[in-house]
PDB file of all heavy atoms in Angstrom:
ATOM      1  N   ALA A   1       0.814  -1.189   0.011  1.00  0.00           N
ATOM      2  CA  ALA A   1       0.022   0.025  -0.001  1.00  0.00           C
ATOM      3  C   ALA A   1       0.818   1.288  -0.007  1.00  0.00           C
ATOM      4  O   ALA A   1       0.463   2.282  -0.575  1.00  0.00           O
ATOM      5  CB  ALA A   1      -0.957   0.043   1.211  1.00  0.00           C
ATOM      6  N   GLY A   2       2.022   1.247   0.656  1.00  0.00           N
ATOM      7  CA  GLY A   2       2.845   2.352   0.722  1.00  0.00           C
ATOM      8  C   GLY A   2       3.964   2.342  -0.288  1.00  0.00           C
ATOM      9  O   GLY A   2       4.744   3.252  -0.316  1.00  0.00           O
ATOM     10  N   SER A   3       4.049   1.387  -1.112  1.00  0.00           N
ATOM     11  CA  SER A   3       5.135   1.268  -2.120  1.00  0.00           C
ATOM     12  C   SER A   3       4.632   1.833  -3.364  1.00  0.00           C
ATOM     13  O   SER A   3       3.544   1.501  -3.927  1.00  0.00           O
ATOM     14  CB  SER A   3       5.528  -0.207  -2.275  1.00  0.00           C
ATOM     15  OG  SER A   3       6.508  -0.382  -3.278  1.00  0.00           O
ATOM     16  N   GLU A   4       5.497   2.549  -3.953  1.00  0.00           N
ATOM     17  CA  GLU A   4       5.155   3.175  -5.336  1.00  0.00           C
ATOM     18  C   GLU A   4       6.098   2.646  -6.378  1.00  0.00           C
ATOM     19  O   GLU A   4       6.613   3.402  -7.232  1.00  0.00           O
ATOM     20  CB  GLU A   4       5.250   4.700  -5.200  1.00  0.00           C
ATOM     21  CG  GLU A   4       4.421   5.277  -4.223  1.00  0.00           C
ATOM     22  CD  GLU A   4       4.693   6.710  -3.825  1.00  0.00           C
ATOM     23  OE1 GLU A   4       5.652   7.290  -4.391  1.00  0.00           O
ATOM     24  OE2 GLU A   4       4.000   7.300  -2.989  1.00  0.00           O
ATOM     25  N   GLY A   5       6.312   1.316  -6.363  1.00  0.00           N
ATOM     26  CA  GLY A   5       7.174   0.757  -7.334  1.00  0.00           C
ATOM     27  C   GLY A   5       8.630   1.092  -7.118  1.00  0.00           C
ATOM     28  O   GLY A   5       9.349   1.413  -8.075  1.00  0.00           O
ATOM     29  N   GLY A   6       9.070   1.120  -5.839  1.00  0.00           N
ATOM     30  CA  GLY A   6      10.411   1.580  -5.495  1.00  0.00           C
ATOM     31  C   GLY A   6      11.431   0.737  -6.136  1.00  0.00           C
ATOM     32  O   GLY A   6      11.217  -0.392  -6.664  1.00  0.00           O
ATOM     33  N   SER A   7      12.695   1.106  -6.015  1.00  0.00           N
ATOM     34  CA  SER A   7      13.807   0.406  -6.631  1.00  0.00           C
ATOM     35  C   SER A   7      14.576  -0.411  -5.619  1.00  0.00           C
ATOM     36  O   SER A   7      15.017   0.175  -4.632  1.00  0.00           O
ATOM     37  CB  SER A   7      14.703   1.452  -7.352  1.00  0.00           C
ATOM     38  OG  SER A   7      15.854   0.895  -7.717  1.00  0.00           O
ATOM     39  N   ARG A   8      14.737  -1.704  -5.946  1.00  0.00           N
ATOM     40  CA  ARG A   8      15.530  -2.548  -5.123  1.00  0.00           C
ATOM     41  C   ARG A   8      16.990  -2.057  -5.082  1.00  0.00           C
ATOM     42  O   ARG A   8      17.693  -2.091  -4.103  1.00  0.00           O
ATOM     43  CB  ARG A   8      15.470  -3.936  -5.592  1.00  0.00           C
ATOM     44  CG  ARG A   8      16.237  -4.961  -4.622  1.00  0.00           C
ATOM     45  CD  ARG A   8      15.968  -6.446  -5.132  1.00  0.00           C
ATOM     46  NE  ARG A   8      16.888  -7.299  -4.567  1.00  0.00           N
ATOM     47  CZ  ARG A   8      16.753  -7.905  -3.428  1.00  0.00           C
ATOM     48  NH1 ARG A   8      15.658  -7.643  -2.703  1.00  0.00           N
ATOM     49  NH2 ARG A   8      17.604  -8.762  -2.982  1.00  0.00           N
ATOM     50  N   ALA A   9      17.411  -1.540  -6.267  1.00  0.00           N
ATOM     51  CA  ALA A   9      18.800  -0.969  -6.410  1.00  0.00           C
ATOM     52  C   ALA A   9      19.032   0.240  -5.441  1.00  0.00           C
ATOM     53  O   ALA A   9      20.069   0.345  -4.838  1.00  0.00           O
ATOM     54  CB  ALA A   9      19.133  -0.603  -7.848  1.00  0.00           C
ATOM     55  N   SER A  10      17.970   1.170  -5.403  1.00  0.00           N
ATOM     56  CA  SER A  10      18.178   2.250  -4.519  1.00  0.00           C
ATOM     57  C   SER A  10      18.098   1.865  -3.040  1.00  0.00           C
ATOM     58  O   SER A  10      18.888   2.422  -2.252  1.00  0.00           O
ATOM     59  CB  SER A  10      17.143   3.344  -4.771  1.00  0.00           C
ATOM     60  OG  SER A  10      15.864   2.890  -4.455  1.00  0.00           O
ATOM     61  N   ALA A  11      17.327   0.868  -2.684  1.00  0.00           N
ATOM     62  CA  ALA A  11      17.274   0.351  -1.314  1.00  0.00           C
ATOM     63  C   ALA A  11      18.729  -0.253  -1.029  1.00  0.00           C
ATOM     64  O   ALA A  11      19.192   0.001   0.079  1.00  0.00           O
ATOM     65  CB  ALA A  11      16.247  -0.703  -1.189  1.00  0.00           C
ATOM     66  N   ARG A  12      19.216  -1.008  -1.910  1.00  0.00           N
ATOM     67  CA  ARG A  12      20.569  -1.612  -1.664  1.00  0.00           C
ATOM     68  C   ARG A  12      21.649  -0.526  -1.531  1.00  0.00           C
ATOM     69  O   ARG A  12      22.531  -0.622  -0.679  1.00  0.00           O
ATOM     70  CB  ARG A  12      20.905  -2.546  -2.816  1.00  0.00           C
ATOM     71  CG  ARG A  12      22.246  -3.277  -2.598  1.00  0.00           C
ATOM     72  CD  ARG A  12      22.317  -4.436  -3.579  1.00  0.00           C
ATOM     73  NE  ARG A  12      23.450  -5.205  -3.231  1.00  0.00           N
ATOM     74  CZ  ARG A  12      24.717  -5.010  -3.648  1.00  0.00           C
ATOM     75  NH1 ARG A  12      24.996  -3.979  -4.386  1.00  0.00           N
ATOM     76  NH2 ARG A  12      25.717  -5.788  -3.309  1.00  0.00           N
ATOM     77  N   SER A  13      21.497   0.464  -2.364  1.00  0.00           N
ATOM     78  CA  SER A  13      22.474   1.625  -2.324  1.00  0.00           C
ATOM     79  C   SER A  13      22.362   2.352  -0.955  1.00  0.00           C
ATOM     80  O   SER A  13      23.364   2.623  -0.260  1.00  0.00           O
ATOM     81  CB  SER A  13      22.188   2.587  -3.478  1.00  0.00           C
ATOM     82  OG  SER A  13      22.971   3.822  -3.299  1.00  0.00           O
ATOM     83  N   ASN A  14      21.122   2.612  -0.505  1.00  0.00           N
ATOM     84  CA  ASN A  14      20.934   3.232   0.808  1.00  0.00           C
ATOM     85  C   ASN A  14      21.461   2.333   1.917  1.00  0.00           C
ATOM     86  O   ASN A  14      22.101   2.857   2.806  1.00  0.00           O
ATOM     87  CB  ASN A  14      19.547   3.560   1.074  1.00  0.00           C
ATOM     88  CG  ASN A  14      19.046   4.794   0.321  1.00  0.00           C
ATOM     89  OD1 ASN A  14      19.864   5.697  -0.012  1.00  0.00           O
ATOM     90  ND2 ASN A  14      17.756   4.788  -0.075  1.00  0.00           N
ATOM     91  N   TYR A  15      21.236   1.036   1.825  1.00  0.00           N
ATOM     92  CA  TYR A  15      21.806   0.143   2.807  1.00  0.00           C
ATOM     93  C   TYR A  15      23.313   0.256   2.880  1.00  0.00           C
ATOM     94  O   TYR A  15      23.871   0.334   3.936  1.00  0.00           O
ATOM     95  CB  TYR A  15      21.348  -1.293   2.501  1.00  0.00           C
ATOM     96  CG  TYR A  15      21.883  -2.305   3.583  1.00  0.00           C
ATOM     97  CD1 TYR A  15      21.259  -2.428   4.755  1.00  0.00           C
ATOM     98  CD2 TYR A  15      23.074  -2.896   3.319  1.00  0.00           C
ATOM     99  CE1 TYR A  15      21.869  -3.336   5.719  1.00  0.00           C
ATOM    100  CE2 TYR A  15      23.727  -3.817   4.275  1.00  0.00           C
ATOM    101  CZ  TYR A  15      23.032  -3.983   5.443  1.00  0.00           C
ATOM    102  OH  TYR A  15      23.605  -4.771   6.402  1.00  0.00           O
ATOM    103  N   LEU A  16      23.967   0.144   1.722  1.00  0.00           N
ATOM    104  CA  LEU A  16      25.393   0.124   1.722  1.00  0.00           C
ATOM    105  C   LEU A  16      25.974   1.467   2.199  1.00  0.00           C
ATOM    106  O   LEU A  16      27.034   1.463   2.920  1.00  0.00           O
ATOM    107  CB  LEU A  16      25.948  -0.104   0.276  1.00  0.00           C
ATOM    108  CG  LEU A  16      25.779  -1.557  -0.211  1.00  0.00           C
ATOM    109  CD1 LEU A  16      26.186  -1.691  -1.710  1.00  0.00           C
ATOM    110  CD2 LEU A  16      26.523  -2.523   0.714  1.00  0.00           C
ATOM    111  N   TRP A  17      25.345   2.539   1.980  1.00  0.00           N
ATOM    112  CA  TRP A  17      25.893   3.829   2.393  1.00  0.00           C
ATOM    113  C   TRP A  17      25.510   4.174   3.846  1.00  0.00           C
ATOM    114  O   TRP A  17      26.275   4.818   4.532  1.00  0.00           O
ATOM    115  CB  TRP A  17      25.423   5.023   1.453  1.00  0.00           C
ATOM    116  CG  TRP A  17      26.161   4.928   0.166  1.00  0.00           C
ATOM    117  CD1 TRP A  17      25.603   4.523  -1.012  1.00  0.00           C
ATOM    118  CD2 TRP A  17      27.488   5.232  -0.046  1.00  0.00           C
ATOM    119  NE1 TRP A  17      26.606   4.549  -1.984  1.00  0.00           N
ATOM    120  CE2 TRP A  17      27.772   4.986  -1.474  1.00  0.00           C
ATOM    121  CE3 TRP A  17      28.529   5.657   0.717  1.00  0.00           C
ATOM    122  CZ2 TRP A  17      29.020   5.222  -2.007  1.00  0.00           C
ATOM    123  CZ3 TRP A  17      29.742   5.948   0.182  1.00  0.00           C
ATOM    124  CH2 TRP A  17      29.972   5.723  -1.227  1.00  0.00           C
ATOM    125  N   LYS A  18      24.305   3.766   4.323  1.00  0.00           N
ATOM    126  CA  LYS A  18      23.873   4.138   5.639  1.00  0.00           C
ATOM    127  C   LYS A  18      24.019   3.018   6.699  1.00  0.00           C
ATOM    128  O   LYS A  18      24.221   3.371   7.847  1.00  0.00           O
ATOM    129  CB  LYS A  18      22.424   4.610   5.603  1.00  0.00           C
ATOM    130  CG  LYS A  18      22.017   5.557   4.519  1.00  0.00           C
ATOM    131  CD  LYS A  18      22.396   6.954   4.953  1.00  0.00           C
ATOM    132  CE  LYS A  18      21.783   7.963   3.892  1.00  0.00           C
ATOM    133  NZ  LYS A  18      22.751   8.945   3.542  1.00  0.00           N
ATOM    134  N   CYS A  19      23.853   1.811   6.277  1.00  0.00           N
ATOM    135  CA  CYS A  19      23.718   0.694   7.282  1.00  0.00           C
ATOM    136  C   CYS A  19      24.947  -0.200   7.354  1.00  0.00           C
ATOM    137  O   CYS A  19      25.281  -0.793   8.396  1.00  0.00           O
ATOM    138  CB  CYS A  19      22.515  -0.142   6.980  1.00  0.00           C
ATOM    139  SG  CYS A  19      20.994   0.810   6.650  1.00  0.00           S
ATOM    140  N   ALA A  20      25.614  -0.457   6.237  1.00  0.00           N
ATOM    141  CA  ALA A  20      26.630  -1.388   6.167  1.00  0.00           C
ATOM    142  C   ALA A  20      27.835  -1.217   7.077  1.00  0.00           C
ATOM    143  O   ALA A  20      28.509  -2.195   7.452  1.00  0.00           O
ATOM    144  CB  ALA A  20      27.087  -1.645   4.687  1.00  0.00           C
ATOM    145  N   THR A  21      28.136   0.020   7.401  1.00  0.00           N
ATOM    146  CA  THR A  21      29.328   0.249   8.237  1.00  0.00           C
ATOM    147  C   THR A  21      29.145  -0.361   9.589  1.00  0.00           C
ATOM    148  O   THR A  21      30.153  -0.843  10.220  1.00  0.00           O
ATOM    149  CB  THR A  21      29.635   1.750   8.443  1.00  0.00           C
ATOM    150  OG1 THR A  21      28.475   2.406   8.959  1.00  0.00           O
ATOM    151  CG2 THR A  21      30.060   2.377   7.132  1.00  0.00           C
ATOM    152  N   CYS A  22      27.903  -0.533  10.067  1.00  0.00           N
ATOM    153  CA  CYS A  22      27.656  -1.172  11.362  1.00  0.00           C
ATOM    154  C   CYS A  22      27.157  -2.623  11.161  1.00  0.00           C
ATOM    155  O   CYS A  22      27.607  -3.542  11.775  1.00  0.00           O
ATOM    156  CB  CYS A  22      26.572  -0.451  12.225  1.00  0.00           C
ATOM    157  SG  CYS A  22      27.271   1.115  12.915  1.00  0.00           S
ATOM    158  N   HIS A  23      26.148  -2.798  10.220  1.00  0.00           N
ATOM    159  CA  HIS A  23      25.538  -4.120  10.067  1.00  0.00           C
ATOM    160  C   HIS A  23      26.311  -4.984   9.048  1.00  0.00           C
ATOM    161  O   HIS A  23      25.883  -6.150   8.941  1.00  0.00           O
ATOM    162  CB  HIS A  23      24.095  -3.879   9.616  1.00  0.00           C
ATOM    163  CG  HIS A  23      23.259  -3.285  10.627  1.00  0.00           C
ATOM    164  ND1 HIS A  23      22.749  -3.958  11.680  1.00  0.00           N
ATOM    165  CD2 HIS A  23      22.849  -1.971  10.823  1.00  0.00           C
ATOM    166  CE1 HIS A  23      21.991  -3.102  12.457  1.00  0.00           C
ATOM    167  NE2 HIS A  23      22.074  -1.908  11.957  1.00  0.00           N
ATOM    168  N   GLY A  24      27.298  -4.448   8.380  1.00  0.00           N
ATOM    169  CA  GLY A  24      28.112  -5.275   7.442  1.00  0.00           C
ATOM    170  C   GLY A  24      27.391  -5.309   6.066  1.00  0.00           C
ATOM    171  O   GLY A  24      26.221  -5.100   5.911  1.00  0.00           O
ATOM    172  N   ASP A  25      28.219  -5.443   5.022  1.00  0.00           N
ATOM    173  CA  ASP A  25      27.695  -5.442   3.654  1.00  0.00           C
ATOM    174  C   ASP A  25      26.664  -6.490   3.373  1.00  0.00           C
ATOM    175  O   ASP A  25      25.734  -6.289   2.616  1.00  0.00           O
ATOM    176  CB  ASP A  25      28.926  -5.713   2.677  1.00  0.00           C
ATOM    177  CG  ASP A  25      29.759  -4.487   2.659  1.00  0.00           C
ATOM    178  OD1 ASP A  25      29.460  -3.367   3.100  1.00  0.00           O
ATOM    179  OD2 ASP A  25      30.924  -4.593   2.059  1.00  0.00           O
ATOM    180  N   ARG A  26      26.781  -7.641   4.078  1.00  0.00           N
ATOM    181  CA  ARG A  26      25.775  -8.682   3.870  1.00  0.00           C
ATOM    182  C   ARG A  26      24.879  -8.836   5.033  1.00  0.00           C
ATOM    183  O   ARG A  26      24.033  -9.753   5.094  1.00  0.00           O
ATOM    184  CB  ARG A  26      26.541  -9.999   3.644  1.00  0.00           C
ATOM    185  CG  ARG A  26      27.387 -10.099   2.455  1.00  0.00           C
ATOM    186  CD  ARG A  26      27.907 -11.307   2.099  1.00  0.00           C
ATOM    187  NE  ARG A  26      28.921 -11.303   1.076  1.00  0.00           N
ATOM    188  CZ  ARG A  26      28.610 -11.276  -0.256  1.00  0.00           C
ATOM    189  NH1 ARG A  26      27.343 -11.229  -0.641  1.00  0.00           N
ATOM    190  NH2 ARG A  26      29.547 -11.279  -1.172  1.00  0.00           N
ATOM    191  N   GLY A  27      24.833  -7.880   5.975  1.00  0.00           N
ATOM    192  CA  GLY A  27      23.844  -7.781   7.049  1.00  0.00           C
ATOM    193  C   GLY A  27      24.063  -8.701   8.308  1.00  0.00           C
ATOM    194  O   GLY A  27      23.162  -8.957   9.042  1.00  0.00           O
ATOM    195  N   ARG A  28      25.303  -9.167   8.403  1.00  0.00           N
ATOM    196  CA  ARG A  28      25.632 -10.077   9.522  1.00  0.00           C
ATOM    197  C   ARG A  28      25.883  -9.446  10.814  1.00  0.00           C
ATOM    198  O   ARG A  28      26.246 -10.084  11.827  1.00  0.00           O
ATOM    199  CB  ARG A  28      26.866 -10.933   9.152  1.00  0.00           C
ATOM    200  CG  ARG A  28      26.546 -11.887   7.991  1.00  0.00           C
ATOM    201  CD  ARG A  28      27.684 -12.782   7.646  1.00  0.00           C
ATOM    202  NE  ARG A  28      27.430 -13.495   6.432  1.00  0.00           N
ATOM    203  CZ  ARG A  28      28.290 -13.516   5.447  1.00  0.00           C
ATOM    204  NH1 ARG A  28      29.440 -12.958   5.437  1.00  0.00           N
ATOM    205  NH2 ARG A  28      28.002 -14.299   4.358  1.00  0.00           N
ATOM    206  N   GLY A  29      25.839  -8.133  10.872  1.00  0.00           N
ATOM    207  CA  GLY A  29      26.138  -7.364  12.118  1.00  0.00           C
ATOM    208  C   GLY A  29      27.567  -7.266  12.359  1.00  0.00           C
ATOM    209  O   GLY A  29      28.071  -6.951  13.461  1.00  0.00           O
ATOM    210  N   ASP A  30      28.437  -7.426  11.345  1.00  0.00           N
ATOM    211  CA  ASP A  30      29.885  -7.383  11.482  1.00  0.00           C
ATOM    212  C   ASP A  30      30.601  -6.198  10.835  1.00  0.00           C
ATOM    213  O   ASP A  30      31.713  -6.322  10.409  1.00  0.00           O
ATOM    214  CB  ASP A  30      30.465  -8.697  10.837  1.00  0.00           C
ATOM    215  CG  ASP A  30      30.114  -8.869   9.401  1.00  0.00           C
ATOM    216  OD1 ASP A  30      29.350  -8.078   8.839  1.00  0.00           O
ATOM    217  OD2 ASP A  30      30.540  -9.918   8.852  1.00  0.00           O
ATOM    218  N   GLY A  31      29.841  -5.063  10.764  1.00  0.00           N
ATOM    219  CA  GLY A  31      30.505  -3.904  10.229  1.00  0.00           C
ATOM    220  C   GLY A  31      31.629  -3.398  11.117  1.00  0.00           C
ATOM    221  O   GLY A  31      31.702  -3.587  12.297  1.00  0.00           O
ATOM    222  N   TRP A  32      32.485  -2.565  10.480  1.00  0.00           N
ATOM    223  CA  TRP A  32      33.703  -2.155  11.200  1.00  0.00           C
ATOM    224  C   TRP A  32      33.430  -1.098  12.316  1.00  0.00           C
ATOM    225  O   TRP A  32      34.068  -1.082  13.314  1.00  0.00           O
ATOM    226  CB  TRP A  32      34.738  -1.678  10.189  1.00  0.00           C
ATOM    227  CG  TRP A  32      34.436  -0.326   9.537  1.00  0.00           C
ATOM    228  CD1 TRP A  32      33.746  -0.178   8.362  1.00  0.00           C
ATOM    229  CD2 TRP A  32      34.831   0.909   9.982  1.00  0.00           C
ATOM    230  NE1 TRP A  32      33.641   1.176   8.132  1.00  0.00           N
ATOM    231  CE2 TRP A  32      34.323   1.867   9.152  1.00  0.00           C
ATOM    232  CE3 TRP A  32      35.490   1.375  11.040  1.00  0.00           C
ATOM    233  CZ2 TRP A  32      34.501   3.218   9.243  1.00  0.00           C
ATOM    234  CZ3 TRP A  32      35.737   2.761  11.282  1.00  0.00           C
ATOM    235  CH2 TRP A  32      35.199   3.612  10.286  1.00  0.00           C
ATOM    236  N   THR A  33      32.395  -0.277  12.081  1.00  0.00           N
ATOM    237  CA  THR A  33      32.187   0.667  13.073  1.00  0.00           C
ATOM    238  C   THR A  33      31.460   0.124  14.338  1.00  0.00           C
ATOM    239  O   THR A  33      31.718   0.579  15.539  1.00  0.00           O
ATOM    240  CB  THR A  33      31.315   1.891  12.617  1.00  0.00           C
ATOM    241  OG1 THR A  33      30.119   1.421  12.048  1.00  0.00           O
ATOM    242  CG2 THR A  33      31.998   2.707  11.610  1.00  0.00           C
ATOM    243  N   ALA A  34      30.637  -0.933  14.138  1.00  0.00           N
ATOM    244  CA  ALA A  34      30.109  -1.624  15.317  1.00  0.00           C
ATOM    245  C   ALA A  34      31.242  -2.250  16.139  1.00  0.00           C
ATOM    246  O   ALA A  34      31.262  -2.124  17.322  1.00  0.00           O
ATOM    247  CB  ALA A  34      29.150  -2.730  14.885  1.00  0.00           C
ATOM    248  N   TRP A  35      32.231  -2.824  15.436  1.00  0.00           N
ATOM    249  CA  TRP A  35      33.341  -3.369  16.167  1.00  0.00           C
ATOM    250  C   TRP A  35      34.166  -2.289  16.852  1.00  0.00           C
ATOM    251  O   TRP A  35      34.477  -2.431  18.034  1.00  0.00           O
ATOM    252  CB  TRP A  35      34.258  -4.147  15.138  1.00  0.00           C
ATOM    253  CG  TRP A  35      35.540  -4.612  15.809  1.00  0.00           C
ATOM    254  CD1 TRP A  35      35.763  -5.754  16.498  1.00  0.00           C
ATOM    255  CD2 TRP A  35      36.774  -3.911  15.829  1.00  0.00           C
ATOM    256  NE1 TRP A  35      36.958  -5.893  16.940  1.00  0.00           N
ATOM    257  CE2 TRP A  35      37.697  -4.704  16.512  1.00  0.00           C
ATOM    258  CE3 TRP A  35      37.235  -2.713  15.229  1.00  0.00           C
ATOM    259  CZ2 TRP A  35      39.017  -4.333  16.687  1.00  0.00           C
ATOM    260  CZ3 TRP A  35      38.542  -2.379  15.464  1.00  0.00           C
ATOM    261  CH2 TRP A  35      39.387  -3.171  16.121  1.00  0.00           C
ATOM    262  N   LEU A  36      34.373  -1.168  16.185  1.00  0.00           N
ATOM    263  CA  LEU A  36      35.187  -0.058  16.701  1.00  0.00           C
ATOM    264  C   LEU A  36      34.559   0.409  17.957  1.00  0.00           C
ATOM    265  O   LEU A  36      35.246   0.709  18.957  1.00  0.00           O
ATOM    266  CB  LEU A  36      35.379   0.987  15.718  1.00  0.00           C
ATOM    267  CG  LEU A  36      36.168   2.181  16.128  1.00  0.00           C
ATOM    268  CD1 LEU A  36      37.603   1.781  16.292  1.00  0.00           C
ATOM    269  CD2 LEU A  36      36.028   3.303  15.047  1.00  0.00           C
ATOM    270  N   PHE A  37      33.224   0.647  17.955  1.00  0.00           N
ATOM    271  CA  PHE A  37      32.493   1.193  19.110  1.00  0.00           C
ATOM    272  C   PHE A  37      32.006   0.177  20.046  1.00  0.00           C
ATOM    273  O   PHE A  37      31.208   0.503  20.966  1.00  0.00           O
ATOM    274  CB  PHE A  37      31.417   2.146  18.628  1.00  0.00           C
ATOM    275  CG  PHE A  37      31.862   3.329  17.904  1.00  0.00           C
ATOM    276  CD1 PHE A  37      31.556   3.581  16.612  1.00  0.00           C
ATOM    277  CD2 PHE A  37      32.720   4.263  18.510  1.00  0.00           C
ATOM    278  CE1 PHE A  37      32.077   4.669  15.936  1.00  0.00           C
ATOM    279  CE2 PHE A  37      33.196   5.354  17.770  1.00  0.00           C
ATOM    280  CZ  PHE A  37      32.877   5.569  16.520  1.00  0.00           C
ATOM    281  N   ARG A  38      32.333  -1.049  19.845  1.00  0.00           N
ATOM    282  CA  ARG A  38      31.871  -2.234  20.674  1.00  0.00           C
ATOM    283  C   ARG A  38      30.385  -2.290  20.807  1.00  0.00           C
ATOM    284  O   ARG A  38      29.814  -2.487  21.885  1.00  0.00           O
ATOM    285  CB  ARG A  38      32.549  -2.142  22.056  1.00  0.00           C
ATOM    286  CG  ARG A  38      34.068  -2.186  21.972  1.00  0.00           C
ATOM    287  CD  ARG A  38      34.713  -2.127  23.267  1.00  0.00           C
ATOM    288  NE  ARG A  38      36.130  -2.338  23.171  1.00  0.00           N
ATOM    289  CZ  ARG A  38      36.957  -2.945  24.006  1.00  0.00           C
ATOM    290  NH1 ARG A  38      36.372  -3.482  25.094  1.00  0.00           N
ATOM    291  NH2 ARG A  38      38.224  -3.000  23.827  1.00  0.00           N
ATOM    292  N   LEU A  39      29.694  -2.119  19.692  1.00  0.00           N
ATOM    293  CA  LEU A  39      28.284  -2.154  19.595  1.00  0.00           C
ATOM    294  C   LEU A  39      27.918  -3.591  19.038  1.00  0.00           C
ATOM    295  O   LEU A  39      28.612  -4.130  18.254  1.00  0.00           O
ATOM    296  CB  LEU A  39      27.683  -1.114  18.737  1.00  0.00           C
ATOM    297  CG  LEU A  39      27.850   0.309  19.185  1.00  0.00           C
ATOM    298  CD1 LEU A  39      27.448   1.248  18.118  1.00  0.00           C
ATOM    299  CD2 LEU A  39      27.101   0.554  20.455  1.00  0.00           C
TER     300      LEU A  39
END
């Protein structure tokens, strides 16, 4: 209902730029900043 035909590529891009540093490129929670800040 809230989706307007969004792009999987843009979601992946946002994930890599905003989330991957903590959650890791593949989402395993092994990003380098999480390790650095002991999160």
